[in-house]
């Protein structure tokens, strides 16, 4: 999955998450944090697409630096509200804890692969590509978690 496919897929899953939370906002605890997490995710991914990989993951000398994006203000907002959202969901009694840990495991594996791959300075890095796939899978698991918990009412 290339840079644009990955980010567009993450935007779509974030929009779906945002809409699912928005439709059930009166039934959810901490819904404002979840709404902001979805919103900042959409903003960050949209910014990555608009700016392009040349400015997001390349240094001034043109070399690949996957960790450069970690300093962007929208990334910081995105990750901060994502962590807040996960913390709020974890302390919430509505969510199935087993499925929650599967979601957390997918994101944890994605971040481990990202940091392993960030050490390899080349395009089409296997670890970064796999990290992107795992991160997108985590986004999909979050949508499944919301659907199961709040729409199918399976606890």
N, C-alpha and C. Protein backbone atom coordinates (compact mmCIF):
# COMPACT_ATOMS: atom_id res chain seq x y z
N UNK A 1 0.85 -1.16 0.00
CA UNK A 1 0.00 0.00 0.00
C UNK A 1 0.91 1.23 0.00
N UNK A 2 0.74 2.08 -0.99
CA UNK A 2 1.61 3.25 -1.08
C UNK A 2 1.13 4.36 -0.15
N UNK A 3 1.88 5.44 -0.12
CA UNK A 3 1.64 6.57 0.78
C UNK A 3 0.22 7.12 0.64
N UNK A 4 -0.21 7.34 -0.58
CA UNK A 4 -1.53 7.94 -0.81
C UNK A 4 -2.66 6.96 -0.50
N UNK A 5 -2.52 5.70 -0.90
CA UNK A 5 -3.55 4.70 -0.60
C UNK A 5 -3.74 4.55 0.90
N UNK A 6 -2.63 4.49 1.61
CA UNK A 6 -2.67 4.33 3.06
C UNK A 6 -3.36 5.51 3.72
N UNK A 7 -2.98 6.72 3.36
CA UNK A 7 -3.56 7.90 4.00
C UNK A 7 -5.02 8.11 3.62
N UNK A 8 -5.39 7.83 2.38
CA UNK A 8 -6.80 7.93 1.99
C UNK A 8 -7.63 6.89 2.73
N UNK A 9 -7.10 5.68 2.87
CA UNK A 9 -7.81 4.64 3.62
C UNK A 9 -7.99 5.04 5.09
N UNK A 10 -6.95 5.64 5.67
CA UNK A 10 -7.06 6.09 7.07
C UNK A 10 -8.05 7.24 7.20
N UNK A 11 -8.10 8.12 6.20
CA UNK A 11 -9.10 9.20 6.23
C UNK A 11 -10.50 8.62 6.20
N UNK A 12 -10.73 7.66 5.31
CA UNK A 12 -12.06 7.05 5.21
C UNK A 12 -12.47 6.35 6.50
N UNK A 13 -11.54 5.60 7.10
CA UNK A 13 -11.88 4.92 8.34
C UNK A 13 -12.08 5.92 9.48
N UNK A 14 -11.33 7.01 9.47
CA UNK A 14 -11.50 8.04 10.50
C UNK A 14 -12.83 8.77 10.34
N UNK A 15 -13.24 9.01 9.10
CA UNK A 15 -14.54 9.64 8.85
C UNK A 15 -15.67 8.70 9.30
N UNK A 16 -15.54 7.42 9.00
CA UNK A 16 -16.54 6.45 9.44
C UNK A 16 -16.61 6.43 10.97
N UNK A 17 -15.44 6.39 11.62
CA UNK A 17 -15.39 6.42 13.08
C UNK A 17 -16.06 7.68 13.62
N UNK A 18 -15.71 8.83 13.04
CA UNK A 18 -16.27 10.11 13.45
C UNK A 18 -17.79 10.10 13.35
N UNK A 19 -18.31 9.61 12.23
CA UNK A 19 -19.76 9.58 12.02
C UNK A 19 -20.45 8.58 12.96
N UNK A 20 -19.83 7.42 13.18
CA UNK A 20 -20.41 6.44 14.09
C UNK A 20 -20.50 6.99 15.51
N UNK A 21 -19.45 7.67 15.95
CA UNK A 21 -19.46 8.27 17.28
C UNK A 21 -20.46 9.41 17.34
N UNK A 22 -20.49 10.23 16.31
CA UNK A 22 -21.40 11.37 16.28
C UNK A 22 -22.87 10.94 16.35
N UNK A 23 -23.19 9.83 15.68
CA UNK A 23 -24.57 9.35 15.69
C UNK A 23 -25.00 8.77 17.04
N UNK A 24 -24.04 8.33 17.84
CA UNK A 24 -24.35 7.74 19.15
C UNK A 24 -23.79 8.57 20.30
N UNK A 25 -23.58 9.86 20.08
CA UNK A 25 -22.91 10.69 21.07
C UNK A 25 -23.63 10.72 22.41
N UNK A 26 -24.94 10.61 22.42
CA UNK A 26 -25.67 10.67 23.68
C UNK A 26 -25.61 9.37 24.47
N UNK A 27 -25.15 8.29 23.86
CA UNK A 27 -25.05 6.99 24.52
C UNK A 27 -23.63 6.67 24.98
N UNK A 28 -22.67 7.48 24.61
CA UNK A 28 -21.27 7.18 24.89
C UNK A 28 -20.72 8.09 25.98
N UNK A 29 -19.90 7.48 26.82
CA UNK A 29 -19.12 8.28 27.76
C UNK A 29 -17.91 8.83 27.00
N UNK A 30 -17.47 10.00 27.37
CA UNK A 30 -16.28 10.62 26.78
C UNK A 30 -16.43 10.84 25.27
N UNK A 31 -17.63 11.06 24.79
CA UNK A 31 -17.85 11.16 23.35
C UNK A 31 -17.11 12.35 22.74
N UNK A 32 -16.94 13.43 23.48
CA UNK A 32 -16.26 14.60 22.92
C UNK A 32 -14.80 14.30 22.61
N UNK A 33 -14.17 13.52 23.46
CA UNK A 33 -12.77 13.13 23.20
C UNK A 33 -12.72 12.23 21.98
N UNK A 34 -13.66 11.31 21.86
CA UNK A 34 -13.70 10.42 20.69
C UNK A 34 -13.96 11.20 19.41
N UNK A 35 -14.85 12.19 19.47
CA UNK A 35 -15.14 13.01 18.30
C UNK A 35 -13.90 13.81 17.89
N UNK A 36 -13.21 14.39 18.88
CA UNK A 36 -11.99 15.13 18.57
C UNK A 36 -10.89 14.22 18.03
N UNK A 37 -10.81 12.99 18.55
CA UNK A 37 -9.81 12.04 18.04
C UNK A 37 -10.07 11.74 16.56
N UNK A 38 -11.32 11.53 16.21
CA UNK A 38 -11.66 11.29 14.79
C UNK A 38 -11.38 12.49 13.93
N UNK A 39 -11.72 13.66 14.44
CA UNK A 39 -11.51 14.90 13.69
C UNK A 39 -10.02 15.17 13.45
N UNK A 40 -9.21 15.04 14.48
CA UNK A 40 -7.78 15.28 14.32
C UNK A 40 -7.12 14.23 13.43
N UNK A 41 -7.63 13.01 13.45
CA UNK A 41 -7.11 11.98 12.56
C UNK A 41 -7.38 12.36 11.10
N UNK A 42 -8.59 12.82 10.82
CA UNK A 42 -8.94 13.25 9.46
C UNK A 42 -8.07 14.45 9.05
N UNK A 43 -7.91 15.41 9.94
CA UNK A 43 -7.10 16.60 9.63
C UNK A 43 -5.64 16.22 9.35
N UNK A 44 -5.08 15.35 10.17
CA UNK A 44 -3.68 14.95 9.99
C UNK A 44 -3.48 14.21 8.67
N UNK A 45 -4.35 13.25 8.39
CA UNK A 45 -4.21 12.48 7.14
C UNK A 45 -4.44 13.36 5.92
N UNK A 46 -5.38 14.28 6.01
CA UNK A 46 -5.63 15.20 4.89
C UNK A 46 -4.43 16.09 4.66
N UNK A 47 -3.83 16.54 5.72
CA UNK A 47 -2.62 17.37 5.61
C UNK A 47 -1.49 16.58 4.96
N UNK A 48 -1.33 15.31 5.35
CA UNK A 48 -0.28 14.48 4.76
C UNK A 48 -0.49 14.33 3.25
N UNK A 49 -1.74 14.21 2.82
CA UNK A 49 -2.01 14.07 1.39
C UNK A 49 -1.76 15.39 0.67
N UNK A 50 -2.23 16.48 1.25
CA UNK A 50 -2.06 17.79 0.61
C UNK A 50 -0.60 18.21 0.51
N UNK A 51 0.15 17.99 1.57
CA UNK A 51 1.57 18.38 1.57
C UNK A 51 2.40 17.41 0.73
N UNK A 52 2.08 16.12 0.82
CA UNK A 52 2.79 15.11 0.04
C UNK A 52 3.96 14.52 0.80
N UNK A 53 4.42 13.36 0.35
CA UNK A 53 5.51 12.68 1.06
C UNK A 53 6.84 13.42 1.01
N UNK A 54 7.03 14.24 -0.01
CA UNK A 54 8.31 14.94 -0.13
C UNK A 54 8.58 15.84 1.08
N UNK A 55 7.53 16.45 1.62
CA UNK A 55 7.71 17.35 2.76
C UNK A 55 7.42 16.68 4.09
N UNK A 56 6.69 15.57 4.07
CA UNK A 56 6.33 14.90 5.32
C UNK A 56 7.41 13.91 5.76
N UNK A 57 7.91 13.08 4.84
CA UNK A 57 8.85 12.03 5.26
C UNK A 57 10.24 12.17 4.66
N UNK A 58 10.52 13.30 3.99
CA UNK A 58 11.86 13.51 3.45
C UNK A 58 12.52 14.70 4.13
N UNK A 59 13.80 14.54 4.43
CA UNK A 59 14.57 15.66 4.98
C UNK A 59 14.84 16.68 3.89
N UNK A 60 15.44 17.79 4.28
CA UNK A 60 15.76 18.85 3.32
C UNK A 60 16.72 18.38 2.24
N UNK A 61 17.56 17.40 2.57
CA UNK A 61 18.51 16.87 1.59
C UNK A 61 17.90 15.76 0.72
N UNK A 62 16.61 15.47 0.90
CA UNK A 62 15.92 14.50 0.06
C UNK A 62 15.95 13.08 0.58
N UNK A 63 16.62 12.84 1.69
CA UNK A 63 16.69 11.48 2.25
C UNK A 63 15.41 11.16 3.02
N UNK A 64 15.06 9.87 3.00
CA UNK A 64 13.87 9.42 3.71
C UNK A 64 14.10 9.50 5.21
N UNK A 65 13.16 10.13 5.91
CA UNK A 65 13.19 10.20 7.37
C UNK A 65 11.76 10.01 7.86
N UNK A 66 11.39 8.77 8.14
CA UNK A 66 10.02 8.45 8.55
C UNK A 66 9.64 9.13 9.87
N UNK A 67 10.61 9.46 10.70
CA UNK A 67 10.30 10.07 11.99
C UNK A 67 10.12 11.58 11.92
N UNK A 68 10.36 12.18 10.76
CA UNK A 68 10.19 13.63 10.62
C UNK A 68 8.75 14.04 10.89
N UNK A 69 7.80 13.22 10.47
CA UNK A 69 6.39 13.55 10.65
C UNK A 69 5.97 13.57 12.12
N UNK A 70 6.75 12.95 13.00
CA UNK A 70 6.40 12.89 14.41
C UNK A 70 6.45 14.26 15.09
N UNK A 71 7.06 15.24 14.44
CA UNK A 71 7.18 16.58 15.01
C UNK A 71 6.12 17.54 14.49
N UNK A 72 5.30 17.09 13.58
CA UNK A 72 4.26 17.96 13.01
C UNK A 72 3.16 18.20 14.05
N UNK A 73 2.69 19.46 14.21
CA UNK A 73 1.67 19.77 15.24
C UNK A 73 0.37 18.97 15.09
N UNK A 74 -0.07 18.72 13.86
CA UNK A 74 -1.30 17.94 13.69
C UNK A 74 -1.10 16.48 14.07
N UNK A 75 0.11 15.96 13.83
CA UNK A 75 0.39 14.59 14.28
C UNK A 75 0.34 14.52 15.80
N UNK A 76 0.91 15.52 16.44
CA UNK A 76 0.93 15.55 17.91
C UNK A 76 -0.50 15.61 18.46
N UNK A 77 -1.36 16.43 17.85
CA UNK A 77 -2.77 16.47 18.26
C UNK A 77 -3.46 15.14 18.00
N UNK A 78 -3.19 14.54 16.84
CA UNK A 78 -3.80 13.27 16.48
C UNK A 78 -3.42 12.18 17.48
N UNK A 79 -2.14 12.05 17.75
CA UNK A 79 -1.69 10.97 18.66
C UNK A 79 -2.13 11.25 20.09
N UNK A 80 -2.16 12.51 20.50
CA UNK A 80 -2.59 12.85 21.86
C UNK A 80 -4.05 12.47 22.08
N UNK A 81 -4.91 12.86 21.15
CA UNK A 81 -6.32 12.54 21.31
C UNK A 81 -6.60 11.06 21.07
N UNK A 82 -5.78 10.39 20.26
CA UNK A 82 -5.94 8.94 20.10
C UNK A 82 -5.61 8.23 21.41
N UNK A 83 -4.54 8.66 22.07
CA UNK A 83 -4.17 8.05 23.36
C UNK A 83 -5.24 8.36 24.41
N UNK A 84 -5.73 9.61 24.42
CA UNK A 84 -6.82 9.95 25.35
C UNK A 84 -8.06 9.10 25.08
N UNK A 85 -8.38 8.93 23.80
CA UNK A 85 -9.56 8.13 23.43
C UNK A 85 -9.39 6.68 23.89
N UNK A 86 -8.20 6.11 23.67
CA UNK A 86 -7.97 4.73 24.11
C UNK A 86 -8.04 4.62 25.63
N UNK A 87 -7.53 5.61 26.32
CA UNK A 87 -7.59 5.60 27.79
C UNK A 87 -9.04 5.68 28.27
N UNK A 88 -9.81 6.56 27.66
CA UNK A 88 -11.22 6.69 28.04
C UNK A 88 -12.01 5.43 27.73
N UNK A 89 -11.73 4.82 26.59
CA UNK A 89 -12.44 3.59 26.23
C UNK A 89 -12.05 2.46 27.17
N UNK A 90 -10.78 2.44 27.58
CA UNK A 90 -10.32 1.37 28.47
C UNK A 90 -11.01 1.44 29.83
N UNK A 91 -11.21 2.65 30.36
CA UNK A 91 -11.86 2.76 31.67
C UNK A 91 -13.38 2.71 31.56
N UNK A 92 -13.90 2.71 30.34
CA UNK A 92 -15.34 2.63 30.11
C UNK A 92 -15.79 1.17 30.26
N UNK A 93 -16.88 0.95 30.93
CA UNK A 93 -17.36 -0.42 31.14
C UNK A 93 -18.21 -0.96 29.99
N UNK A 94 -18.49 -0.15 28.98
CA UNK A 94 -19.33 -0.60 27.88
C UNK A 94 -18.59 -1.49 26.88
N UNK A 95 -17.30 -1.33 26.78
CA UNK A 95 -16.52 -1.94 25.70
C UNK A 95 -15.99 -3.31 26.11
N UNK A 96 -16.05 -4.25 25.19
CA UNK A 96 -15.49 -5.59 25.40
C UNK A 96 -13.97 -5.46 25.51
N UNK A 97 -13.42 -5.83 26.66
CA UNK A 97 -11.99 -5.65 26.92
C UNK A 97 -11.12 -6.55 26.04
N UNK A 98 -11.60 -7.73 25.68
CA UNK A 98 -10.81 -8.62 24.83
C UNK A 98 -10.62 -8.00 23.44
N UNK A 99 -11.70 -7.50 22.88
CA UNK A 99 -11.61 -6.85 21.56
C UNK A 99 -10.77 -5.58 21.65
N UNK A 100 -10.90 -4.87 22.76
CA UNK A 100 -10.10 -3.66 22.97
C UNK A 100 -8.60 -4.00 22.94
N UNK A 101 -8.21 -5.09 23.58
CA UNK A 101 -6.79 -5.47 23.59
C UNK A 101 -6.32 -5.94 22.22
N UNK A 102 -7.20 -6.53 21.42
CA UNK A 102 -6.84 -6.88 20.04
C UNK A 102 -6.54 -5.60 19.24
N UNK A 103 -7.39 -4.58 19.44
CA UNK A 103 -7.17 -3.29 18.77
C UNK A 103 -5.84 -2.69 19.22
N UNK A 104 -5.60 -2.69 20.53
CA UNK A 104 -4.35 -2.13 21.05
C UNK A 104 -3.13 -2.90 20.53
N UNK A 105 -3.25 -4.22 20.42
CA UNK A 105 -2.16 -5.03 19.91
C UNK A 105 -1.85 -4.68 18.46
N UNK A 106 -2.87 -4.46 17.65
CA UNK A 106 -2.64 -4.09 16.25
C UNK A 106 -1.89 -2.76 16.16
N UNK A 107 -2.30 -1.77 16.95
CA UNK A 107 -1.60 -0.48 16.93
C UNK A 107 -0.20 -0.60 17.50
N UNK A 108 -0.01 -1.40 18.54
CA UNK A 108 1.32 -1.59 19.13
C UNK A 108 2.28 -2.23 18.13
N UNK A 109 1.82 -3.25 17.44
CA UNK A 109 2.65 -3.89 16.42
C UNK A 109 2.98 -2.89 15.31
N UNK A 110 2.00 -2.10 14.92
CA UNK A 110 2.23 -1.09 13.87
C UNK A 110 3.32 -0.11 14.29
N UNK A 111 3.28 0.37 15.53
CA UNK A 111 4.29 1.33 15.99
C UNK A 111 5.66 0.69 16.14
N UNK A 112 5.72 -0.54 16.60
CA UNK A 112 7.02 -1.24 16.70
C UNK A 112 7.63 -1.39 15.32
N UNK A 113 6.82 -1.82 14.35
CA UNK A 113 7.32 -1.95 12.98
C UNK A 113 7.73 -0.61 12.40
N UNK A 114 6.99 0.45 12.75
CA UNK A 114 7.35 1.79 12.27
C UNK A 114 8.74 2.19 12.75
N UNK A 115 9.00 1.98 14.03
CA UNK A 115 10.29 2.40 14.57
C UNK A 115 11.44 1.51 14.10
N UNK A 116 11.16 0.23 13.84
CA UNK A 116 12.18 -0.63 13.24
C UNK A 116 12.46 -0.15 11.82
N UNK A 117 11.39 0.12 11.07
CA UNK A 117 11.54 0.55 9.68
C UNK A 117 12.13 1.93 9.54
N UNK A 118 11.94 2.79 10.52
CA UNK A 118 12.46 4.16 10.44
C UNK A 118 13.99 4.17 10.44
N UNK A 119 14.59 3.12 10.95
CA UNK A 119 16.05 3.03 10.95
C UNK A 119 16.60 2.69 9.56
N UNK A 120 15.76 2.15 8.71
CA UNK A 120 16.16 1.79 7.35
C UNK A 120 15.76 2.94 6.44
N UNK A 121 16.72 3.66 5.95
CA UNK A 121 16.46 4.91 5.20
C UNK A 121 16.31 4.62 3.71
N UNK A 122 15.16 4.10 3.31
CA UNK A 122 14.92 3.88 1.88
C UNK A 122 13.42 3.91 1.60
N UNK A 123 13.10 4.13 0.34
CA UNK A 123 11.70 4.12 -0.11
C UNK A 123 11.19 2.67 -0.14
N UNK A 124 9.88 2.52 -0.08
CA UNK A 124 9.24 1.20 -0.13
C UNK A 124 9.83 0.23 0.88
N UNK A 125 10.01 0.71 2.08
CA UNK A 125 10.55 -0.06 3.18
C UNK A 125 9.50 -1.10 3.61
N UNK A 126 9.90 -2.36 3.68
CA UNK A 126 8.99 -3.45 4.04
C UNK A 126 8.36 -3.21 5.42
N UNK A 127 9.17 -2.79 6.38
CA UNK A 127 8.66 -2.58 7.74
C UNK A 127 7.66 -1.43 7.79
N UNK A 128 7.95 -0.35 7.09
CA UNK A 128 7.03 0.80 7.08
C UNK A 128 5.74 0.41 6.37
N UNK A 129 5.84 -0.31 5.26
CA UNK A 129 4.63 -0.74 4.55
C UNK A 129 3.78 -1.67 5.41
N UNK A 130 4.42 -2.60 6.10
CA UNK A 130 3.69 -3.50 6.98
C UNK A 130 3.11 -2.74 8.17
N UNK A 131 3.86 -1.77 8.68
CA UNK A 131 3.36 -0.91 9.76
C UNK A 131 2.10 -0.16 9.32
N UNK A 132 2.13 0.37 8.11
CA UNK A 132 0.95 1.07 7.57
C UNK A 132 -0.25 0.13 7.46
N UNK A 133 0.00 -1.09 6.98
CA UNK A 133 -1.08 -2.08 6.88
C UNK A 133 -1.66 -2.41 8.25
N UNK A 134 -0.79 -2.60 9.24
CA UNK A 134 -1.25 -2.91 10.60
C UNK A 134 -2.01 -1.72 11.21
N UNK A 135 -1.53 -0.53 10.94
CA UNK A 135 -2.21 0.67 11.46
C UNK A 135 -3.61 0.80 10.86
N UNK A 136 -3.72 0.56 9.56
CA UNK A 136 -5.03 0.58 8.92
C UNK A 136 -5.92 -0.52 9.47
N UNK A 137 -5.36 -1.69 9.72
CA UNK A 137 -6.12 -2.77 10.33
C UNK A 137 -6.62 -2.35 11.71
N UNK A 138 -5.79 -1.63 12.46
CA UNK A 138 -6.21 -1.10 13.76
C UNK A 138 -7.38 -0.14 13.61
N UNK A 139 -7.34 0.72 12.59
CA UNK A 139 -8.47 1.62 12.32
C UNK A 139 -9.75 0.82 12.07
N UNK A 140 -9.63 -0.25 11.28
CA UNK A 140 -10.80 -1.09 10.97
C UNK A 140 -11.31 -1.79 12.23
N UNK A 141 -10.40 -2.26 13.07
CA UNK A 141 -10.80 -2.89 14.33
C UNK A 141 -11.54 -1.91 15.24
N UNK A 142 -11.12 -0.64 15.23
CA UNK A 142 -11.81 0.37 16.03
C UNK A 142 -13.25 0.52 15.55
N UNK A 143 -13.44 0.54 14.24
CA UNK A 143 -14.80 0.64 13.69
C UNK A 143 -15.62 -0.58 14.09
N UNK A 144 -15.02 -1.76 14.01
CA UNK A 144 -15.72 -2.98 14.42
C UNK A 144 -16.07 -2.92 15.90
N UNK A 145 -15.15 -2.43 16.73
CA UNK A 145 -15.40 -2.29 18.16
C UNK A 145 -16.58 -1.36 18.45
N UNK A 146 -16.63 -0.23 17.74
CA UNK A 146 -17.74 0.71 17.91
C UNK A 146 -19.05 0.08 17.44
N UNK A 147 -19.02 -0.59 16.29
CA UNK A 147 -20.23 -1.23 15.78
C UNK A 147 -20.76 -2.30 16.72
N UNK A 148 -19.87 -3.16 17.20
CA UNK A 148 -20.28 -4.24 18.09
C UNK A 148 -20.82 -3.69 19.40
N UNK A 149 -20.13 -2.69 19.95
CA UNK A 149 -20.50 -2.19 21.27
C UNK A 149 -21.75 -1.33 21.25
N UNK A 150 -21.82 -0.39 20.33
CA UNK A 150 -22.89 0.60 20.39
C UNK A 150 -24.02 0.38 19.39
N UNK A 151 -23.78 -0.37 18.33
CA UNK A 151 -24.84 -0.58 17.35
C UNK A 151 -25.45 -1.98 17.48
N UNK A 152 -24.64 -2.98 17.75
CA UNK A 152 -25.16 -4.33 17.96
C UNK A 152 -25.43 -4.60 19.44
N UNK A 153 -24.91 -3.71 20.28
CA UNK A 153 -25.07 -3.78 21.74
C UNK A 153 -24.61 -5.10 22.32
N UNK A 154 -23.48 -5.60 21.82
CA UNK A 154 -22.85 -6.80 22.37
C UNK A 154 -21.76 -6.32 23.32
N UNK A 155 -21.83 -6.69 24.55
CA UNK A 155 -20.87 -6.21 25.55
C UNK A 155 -19.88 -7.30 25.90
